[in-house]
Amino acid sequence: MLENCLTDGNAMVVSNTVAAYQAISESKGYNMLQLSPYNVQKLLTALNECNEWGQIYILDALAQYVPAKSSEAEK
């Protein structure tokens, strides 16, 4: 259910989903948010449209992202 919310058109829904993933990850002890290039693009789009706290959650998630291919990091 959270995966569907991650690609929602509403930036607040996206940022709250990222916050929920981070809270779950903290309690589980490992990162639950598996980002793909598509999800990263959605997060970057939502970044401009959400409030400051939402931006912090999204930036924290993006900081943990490791691209699978070096060509992806160059874009």
PDB file of N, CA and C in Angstrom:
ATOM      1  N   MET A   1       0.821  -1.189   0.000  1.00  0.00           N
ATOM      2  CA  MET A   1       0.000   0.000   0.000  1.00  0.00           C
ATOM      3  C   MET A   1       0.870   1.260   0.000  1.00  0.00           C
ATOM      4  N   LEU A   2       1.968   1.240   0.772  1.00  0.00           N
ATOM      5  CA  LEU A   2       2.853   2.398   0.803  1.00  0.00           C
ATOM      6  C   LEU A   2       3.540   2.616  -0.539  1.00  0.00           C
ATOM      7  N   GLU A   3       3.854   1.542  -1.249  1.00  0.00           N
ATOM      8  CA  GLU A   3       4.511   1.684  -2.541  1.00  0.00           C
ATOM      9  C   GLU A   3       3.646   2.472  -3.518  1.00  0.00           C
ATOM     10  N   ASN A   4       2.340   2.273  -3.473  1.00  0.00           N
ATOM     11  CA  ASN A   4       1.437   3.019  -4.347  1.00  0.00           C
ATOM     12  C   ASN A   4       1.416   4.495  -3.989  1.00  0.00           C
ATOM     13  N   CYS A   5       1.491   4.790  -2.712  1.00  0.00           N
ATOM     14  CA  CYS A   5       1.465   6.182  -2.263  1.00  0.00           C
ATOM     15  C   CYS A   5       2.747   6.916  -2.633  1.00  0.00           C
ATOM     16  N   LEU A   6       3.821   6.187  -2.816  1.00  0.00           N
ATOM     17  CA  LEU A   6       5.101   6.799  -3.154  1.00  0.00           C
ATOM     18  C   LEU A   6       5.069   7.463  -4.527  1.00  0.00           C
ATOM     19  N   THR A   7       4.216   7.000  -5.401  1.00  0.00           N
ATOM     20  CA  THR A   7       4.104   7.574  -6.743  1.00  0.00           C
ATOM     21  C   THR A   7       2.835   8.405  -6.921  1.00  0.00           C
ATOM     22  N   ASP A   8       2.236   8.819  -5.822  1.00  0.00           N
ATOM     23  CA  ASP A   8       1.025   9.634  -5.864  1.00  0.00           C
ATOM     24  C   ASP A   8       1.328  11.005  -6.478  1.00  0.00           C
ATOM     25  N   GLY A   9       0.330  11.642  -7.021  1.00  0.00           N
ATOM     26  CA  GLY A   9       0.499  12.958  -7.619  1.00  0.00           C
ATOM     27  C   GLY A   9       0.559  14.089  -6.611  1.00  0.00           C
ATOM     28  N   ASN A  10       0.128  13.847  -5.387  1.00  0.00           N
ATOM     29  CA  ASN A  10       0.134  14.864  -4.345  1.00  0.00           C
ATOM     30  C   ASN A  10       1.465  14.804  -3.587  1.00  0.00           C
ATOM     31  N   ALA A  11       2.181  15.913  -3.559  1.00  0.00           N
ATOM     32  CA  ALA A  11       3.504  15.957  -2.935  1.00  0.00           C
ATOM     33  C   ALA A  11       3.444  15.676  -1.437  1.00  0.00           C
ATOM     34  N   MET A  12       2.373  16.085  -0.783  1.00  0.00           N
ATOM     35  CA  MET A  12       2.256  15.827   0.661  1.00  0.00           C
ATOM     36  C   MET A  12       2.082  14.340   0.937  1.00  0.00           C
ATOM     37  N   VAL A  13       1.360  13.655   0.079  1.00  0.00           N
ATOM     38  CA  VAL A  13       1.200  12.208   0.223  1.00  0.00           C
ATOM     39  C   VAL A  13       2.551  11.530   0.056  1.00  0.00           C
ATOM     40  N   VAL A  14       3.320  11.963  -0.918  1.00  0.00           N
ATOM     41  CA  VAL A  14       4.636  11.380  -1.170  1.00  0.00           C
ATOM     42  C   VAL A  14       5.562  11.607   0.019  1.00  0.00           C
ATOM     43  N   SER A  15       5.614  12.837   0.525  1.00  0.00           N
ATOM     44  CA  SER A  15       6.511  13.123   1.649  1.00  0.00           C
ATOM     45  C   SER A  15       6.081  12.385   2.918  1.00  0.00           C
ATOM     46  N   ASN A  16       4.793  12.263   3.147  1.00  0.00           N
ATOM     47  CA  ASN A  16       4.319  11.509   4.313  1.00  0.00           C
ATOM     48  C   ASN A  16       4.599  10.020   4.160  1.00  0.00           C
ATOM     49  N   THR A  17       4.564   9.521   2.940  1.00  0.00           N
ATOM     50  CA  THR A  17       4.908   8.123   2.683  1.00  0.00           C
ATOM     51  C   THR A  17       6.382   7.876   2.973  1.00  0.00           C
ATOM     52  N   VAL A  18       7.227   8.786   2.540  1.00  0.00           N
ATOM     53  CA  VAL A  18       8.660   8.667   2.822  1.00  0.00           C
ATOM     54  C   VAL A  18       8.905   8.708   4.330  1.00  0.00           C
ATOM     55  N   ALA A  19       8.200   9.581   5.030  1.00  0.00           N
ATOM     56  CA  ALA A  19       8.330   9.658   6.490  1.00  0.00           C
ATOM     57  C   ALA A  19       7.899   8.346   7.141  1.00  0.00           C
ATOM     58  N   ALA A  20       6.833   7.746   6.635  1.00  0.00           N
ATOM     59  CA  ALA A  20       6.368   6.463   7.175  1.00  0.00           C
ATOM     60  C   ALA A  20       7.396   5.373   6.920  1.00  0.00           C
ATOM     61  N   TYR A  21       7.962   5.344   5.718  1.00  0.00           N
ATOM     62  CA  TYR A  21       9.017   4.369   5.409  1.00  0.00           C
ATOM     63  C   TYR A  21      10.206   4.539   6.345  1.00  0.00           C
ATOM     64  N   GLN A  22      10.590   5.771   6.619  1.00  0.00           N
ATOM     65  CA  GLN A  22      11.732   6.016   7.491  1.00  0.00           C
ATOM     66  C   GLN A  22      11.437   5.586   8.922  1.00  0.00           C
ATOM     67  N   ALA A  23      10.218   5.811   9.392  1.00  0.00           N
ATOM     68  CA  ALA A  23       9.843   5.379  10.738  1.00  0.00           C
ATOM     69  C   ALA A  23       9.836   3.853  10.830  1.00  0.00           C
ATOM     70  N   ILE A  24       9.309   3.195   9.826  1.00  0.00           N
ATOM     71  CA  ILE A  24       9.286   1.730   9.810  1.00  0.00           C
ATOM     72  C   ILE A  24      10.706   1.184   9.734  1.00  0.00           C
ATOM     73  N   SER A  25      11.531   1.800   8.885  1.00  0.00           N
ATOM     74  CA  SER A  25      12.923   1.362   8.750  1.00  0.00           C
ATOM     75  C   SER A  25      13.679   1.486  10.059  1.00  0.00           C
ATOM     76  N   GLU A  26      13.426   2.558  10.780  1.00  0.00           N
ATOM     77  CA  GLU A  26      14.088   2.767  12.064  1.00  0.00           C
ATOM     78  C   GLU A  26      13.700   1.698  13.069  1.00  0.00           C
ATOM     79  N   SER A  27      12.436   1.310  13.087  1.00  0.00           N
ATOM     80  CA  SER A  27      12.003   0.285  14.041  1.00  0.00           C
ATOM     81  C   SER A  27      12.457  -1.117  13.619  1.00  0.00           C
ATOM     82  N   LYS A  28      12.564  -1.361  12.317  1.00  0.00           N
ATOM     83  CA  LYS A  28      12.993  -2.676  11.814  1.00  0.00           C
ATOM     84  C   LYS A  28      14.511  -2.845  11.856  1.00  0.00           C
ATOM     85  N   GLY A  29      15.244  -1.742  11.772  1.00  0.00           N
ATOM     86  CA  GLY A  29      16.694  -1.813  11.810  1.00  0.00           C
ATOM     87  C   GLY A  29      17.362  -1.897  10.452  1.00  0.00           C
ATOM     88  N   TYR A  30      16.601  -1.779   9.382  1.00  0.00           N
ATOM     89  CA  TYR A  30      17.175  -1.754   8.030  1.00  0.00           C
ATOM     90  C   TYR A  30      16.287  -0.900   7.131  1.00  0.00           C
ATOM     91  N   ASN A  31      16.833  -0.470   6.004  1.00  0.00           N
ATOM     92  CA  ASN A  31      16.139   0.432   5.109  1.00  0.00           C
ATOM     93  C   ASN A  31      15.027  -0.295   4.348  1.00  0.00           C
ATOM     94  N   MET A  32      13.818   0.110   4.563  1.00  0.00           N
ATOM     95  CA  MET A  32      12.662  -0.492   3.890  1.00  0.00           C
ATOM     96  C   MET A  32      12.359   0.177   2.546  1.00  0.00           C
ATOM     97  N   LEU A  33      12.844   1.392   2.353  1.00  0.00           N
ATOM     98  CA  LEU A  33      12.543   2.151   1.139  1.00  0.00           C
ATOM     99  C   LEU A  33      13.529   1.780   0.044  1.00  0.00           C
ATOM    100  N   GLN A  34      13.068   1.034  -0.923  1.00  0.00           N
ATOM    101  CA  GLN A  34      13.881   0.625  -2.060  1.00  0.00           C
ATOM    102  C   GLN A  34      13.588   1.563  -3.225  1.00  0.00           C
ATOM    103  N   LEU A  35      14.543   2.417  -3.543  1.00  0.00           N
ATOM    104  CA  LEU A  35      14.329   3.409  -4.584  1.00  0.00           C
ATOM    105  C   LEU A  35      14.808   2.900  -5.939  1.00  0.00           C
ATOM    106  N   SER A  36      14.060   3.269  -6.945  1.00  0.00           N
ATOM    107  CA  SER A  36      14.418   2.999  -8.339  1.00  0.00           C
ATOM    108  C   SER A  36      14.589   4.356  -9.023  1.00  0.00           C
ATOM    109  N   PRO A  37      15.155   4.385 -10.208  1.00  0.00           N
ATOM    110  CA  PRO A  37      15.268   5.678 -10.912  1.00  0.00           C
ATOM    111  C   PRO A  37      13.911   6.366 -11.092  1.00  0.00           C
ATOM    112  N   TYR A  38      12.875   5.589 -11.316  1.00  0.00           N
ATOM    113  CA  TYR A  38      11.528   6.158 -11.458  1.00  0.00           C
ATOM    114  C   TYR A  38      11.073   6.810 -10.152  1.00  0.00           C
ATOM    115  N   ASN A  39      11.273   6.119  -9.026  1.00  0.00           N
ATOM    116  CA  ASN A  39      10.882   6.666  -7.729  1.00  0.00           C
ATOM    117  C   ASN A  39      11.702   7.893  -7.370  1.00  0.00           C
ATOM    118  N   VAL A  40      12.978   7.878  -7.713  1.00  0.00           N
ATOM    119  CA  VAL A  40      13.829   9.037  -7.436  1.00  0.00           C
ATOM    120  C   VAL A  40      13.296  10.256  -8.181  1.00  0.00           C
ATOM    121  N   GLN A  41      12.907  10.061  -9.437  1.00  0.00           N
ATOM    122  CA  GLN A  41      12.365  11.168 -10.217  1.00  0.00           C
ATOM    123  C   GLN A  41      11.074  11.697  -9.590  1.00  0.00           C
ATOM    124  N   LYS A  42      10.228  10.803  -9.108  1.00  0.00           N
ATOM    125  CA  LYS A  42       8.986  11.221  -8.439  1.00  0.00           C
ATOM    126  C   LYS A  42       9.294  12.012  -7.167  1.00  0.00           C
ATOM    127  N   LEU A  43      10.293  11.569  -6.406  1.00  0.00           N
ATOM    128  CA  LEU A  43      10.668  12.286  -5.183  1.00  0.00           C
ATOM    129  C   LEU A  43      11.217  13.667  -5.506  1.00  0.00           C
ATOM    130  N   LEU A  44      12.024  13.758  -6.550  1.00  0.00           N
ATOM    131  CA  LEU A  44      12.569  15.061  -6.934  1.00  0.00           C
ATOM    132  C   LEU A  44      11.470  16.009  -7.401  1.00  0.00           C
ATOM    133  N   THR A  45      10.470  15.477  -8.067  1.00  0.00           N
ATOM    134  CA  THR A  45       9.332  16.298  -8.496  1.00  0.00           C
ATOM    135  C   THR A  45       8.537  16.784  -7.291  1.00  0.00           C
ATOM    136  N   ALA A  46       8.324  15.921  -6.327  1.00  0.00           N
ATOM    137  CA  ALA A  46       7.554  16.282  -5.136  1.00  0.00           C
ATOM    138  C   ALA A  46       8.322  17.235  -4.229  1.00  0.00           C
ATOM    139  N   LEU A  47       9.627  17.250  -4.346  1.00  0.00           N
ATOM    140  CA  LEU A  47      10.469  18.061  -3.470  1.00  0.00           C
ATOM    141  C   LEU A  47      10.102  19.541  -3.514  1.00  0.00           C
ATOM    142  N   ASN A  48       9.811  20.058  -4.681  1.00  0.00           N
ATOM    143  CA  ASN A  48       9.482  21.480  -4.823  1.00  0.00           C
ATOM    144  C   ASN A  48       8.096  21.831  -4.323  1.00  0.00           C
ATOM    145  N   GLU A  49       7.221  20.866  -4.199  1.00  0.00           N
ATOM    146  CA  GLU A  49       5.821  21.140  -3.917  1.00  0.00           C
ATOM    147  C   GLU A  49       5.396  20.890  -2.474  1.00  0.00           C
ATOM    148  N   CYS A  50       6.255  20.326  -1.656  1.00  0.00           N
ATOM    149  CA  CYS A  50       5.837  20.018  -0.288  1.00  0.00           C
ATOM    150  C   CYS A  50       6.457  21.005   0.702  1.00  0.00           C
ATOM    151  N   ASN A  51       6.026  20.922   1.944  1.00  0.00           N
ATOM    152  CA  ASN A  51       6.518  21.841   2.966  1.00  0.00           C
ATOM    153  C   ASN A  51       7.941  21.485   3.392  1.00  0.00           C
ATOM    154  N   GLU A  52       8.488  22.261   4.321  1.00  0.00           N
ATOM    155  CA  GLU A  52       9.883  22.095   4.725  1.00  0.00           C
ATOM    156  C   GLU A  52      10.155  20.725   5.334  1.00  0.00           C
ATOM    157  N   TRP A  53       9.247  20.253   6.175  1.00  0.00           N
ATOM    158  CA  TRP A  53       9.451  18.938   6.793  1.00  0.00           C
ATOM    159  C   TRP A  53       9.398  17.826   5.759  1.00  0.00           C
ATOM    160  N   GLY A  54       8.504  17.949   4.802  1.00  0.00           N
ATOM    161  CA  GLY A  54       8.436  16.977   3.725  1.00  0.00           C
ATOM    162  C   GLY A  54       9.718  16.969   2.910  1.00  0.00           C
ATOM    163  N   GLN A  55      10.265  18.158   2.673  1.00  0.00           N
ATOM    164  CA  GLN A  55      11.531  18.252   1.946  1.00  0.00           C
ATOM    165  C   GLN A  55      12.660  17.569   2.707  1.00  0.00           C
ATOM    166  N   ILE A  56      12.677  17.710   4.013  1.00  0.00           N
ATOM    167  CA  ILE A  56      13.710  17.070   4.827  1.00  0.00           C
ATOM    168  C   ILE A  56      13.607  15.554   4.722  1.00  0.00           C
ATOM    169  N   TYR A  57      12.401  15.021   4.824  1.00  0.00           N
ATOM    170  CA  TYR A  57      12.216  13.571   4.714  1.00  0.00           C
ATOM    171  C   TYR A  57      12.661  13.061   3.340  1.00  0.00           C
ATOM    172  N   ILE A  58      12.285  13.791   2.302  1.00  0.00           N
ATOM    173  CA  ILE A  58      12.644  13.371   0.953  1.00  0.00           C
ATOM    174  C   ILE A  58      14.158  13.460   0.746  1.00  0.00           C
ATOM    175  N   LEU A  59      14.774  14.528   1.204  1.00  0.00           N
ATOM    176  CA  LEU A  59      16.223  14.666   1.049  1.00  0.00           C
ATOM    177  C   LEU A  59      16.978  13.599   1.832  1.00  0.00           C
ATOM    178  N   ASP A  60      16.473  13.247   3.021  1.00  0.00           N
ATOM    179  CA  ASP A  60      17.091  12.156   3.786  1.00  0.00           C
ATOM    180  C   ASP A  60      17.027  10.837   3.017  1.00  0.00           C
ATOM    181  N   ALA A  61      15.886  10.588   2.392  1.00  0.00           N
ATOM    182  CA  ALA A  61      15.738   9.353   1.619  1.00  0.00           C
ATOM    183  C   ALA A  61      16.652   9.367   0.397  1.00  0.00           C
ATOM    184  N   LEU A  62      16.734  10.495  -0.273  1.00  0.00           N
ATOM    185  CA  LEU A  62      17.578  10.591  -1.457  1.00  0.00           C
ATOM    186  C   LEU A  62      19.062  10.483  -1.105  1.00  0.00           C
ATOM    187  N   ALA A  63      19.435  10.932   0.079  1.00  0.00           N
ATOM    188  CA  ALA A  63      20.832  10.853   0.503  1.00  0.00           C
ATOM    189  C   ALA A  63      21.287   9.408   0.677  1.00  0.00           C
ATOM    190  N   GLN A  64      20.362   8.503   0.937  1.00  0.00           N
ATOM    191  CA  GLN A  64      20.692   7.093   1.135  1.00  0.00           C
ATOM    192  C   GLN A  64      20.666   6.304  -0.170  1.00  0.00           C
ATOM    193  N   TYR A  65      20.238   6.943  -1.249  1.00  0.00           N
ATOM    194  CA  TYR A  65      20.098   6.253  -2.538  1.00  0.00           C
ATOM    195  C   TYR A  65      21.463   6.031  -3.178  1.00  0.00           C
ATOM    196  N   VAL A  66      21.697   4.808  -3.621  1.00  0.00           N
ATOM    197  CA  VAL A  66      22.918   4.456  -4.344  1.00  0.00           C
ATOM    198  C   VAL A  66      22.489   3.957  -5.727  1.00  0.00           C
ATOM    199  N   PRO A  67      22.851   4.694  -6.789  1.00  0.00           N
ATOM    200  CA  PRO A  67      22.456   4.271  -8.140  1.00  0.00           C
ATOM    201  C   PRO A  67      23.065   2.918  -8.504  1.00  0.00           C
ATOM    202  N   ALA A  68      22.314   2.120  -9.227  1.00  0.00           N
ATOM    203  CA  ALA A  68      22.781   0.804  -9.638  1.00  0.00           C
ATOM    204  C   ALA A  68      23.849   0.893 -10.716  1.00  0.00           C
ATOM    205  N   LYS A  69      23.733   1.881 -11.576  1.00  0.00           N
ATOM    206  CA  LYS A  69      24.677   2.063 -12.684  1.00  0.00           C
ATOM    207  C   LYS A  69      25.329   3.430 -12.564  1.00  0.00           C
ATOM    208  N   SER A  70      26.576   3.522 -12.962  1.00  0.00           N
ATOM    209  CA  SER A  70      27.279   4.803 -12.899  1.00  0.00           C
ATOM    210  C   SER A  70      26.671   5.799 -13.879  1.00  0.00           C
ATOM    211  N   SER A  71      26.112   5.334 -14.977  1.00  0.00           N
ATOM    212  CA  SER A  71      25.498   6.227 -15.952  1.00  0.00           C
ATOM    213  C   SER A  71      24.267   6.924 -15.364  1.00  0.00           C
ATOM    214  N   GLU A  72      23.596   6.276 -14.440  1.00  0.00           N
ATOM    215  CA  GLU A  72      22.427   6.880 -13.794  1.00  0.00           C
ATOM    216  C   GLU A  72      22.843   8.057 -12.921  1.00  0.00           C
ATOM    217  N   ALA A  73      23.989   7.987 -12.302  1.00  0.00           N
ATOM    218  CA  ALA A  73      24.479   9.050 -11.439  1.00  0.00           C
ATOM    219  C   ALA A  73      24.900  10.273 -12.234  1.00  0.00           C
ATOM    220  N   GLU A  74      25.216  10.084 -13.492  1.00  0.00           N
ATOM    221  CA  GLU A  74      25.662  11.189 -14.334  1.00  0.00           C
ATOM    222  C   GLU A  74      24.520  12.044 -14.859  1.00  0.00           C
ATOM    223  N   LYS A  75      23.292  11.567 -14.792  1.00  0.00           N
ATOM    224  CA  LYS A  75      22.144  12.300 -15.353  1.00  0.00           C
ATOM    225  C   LYS A  75      21.804  13.514 -14.558  1.00  0.00           C
TER     226      LYS A  75
END
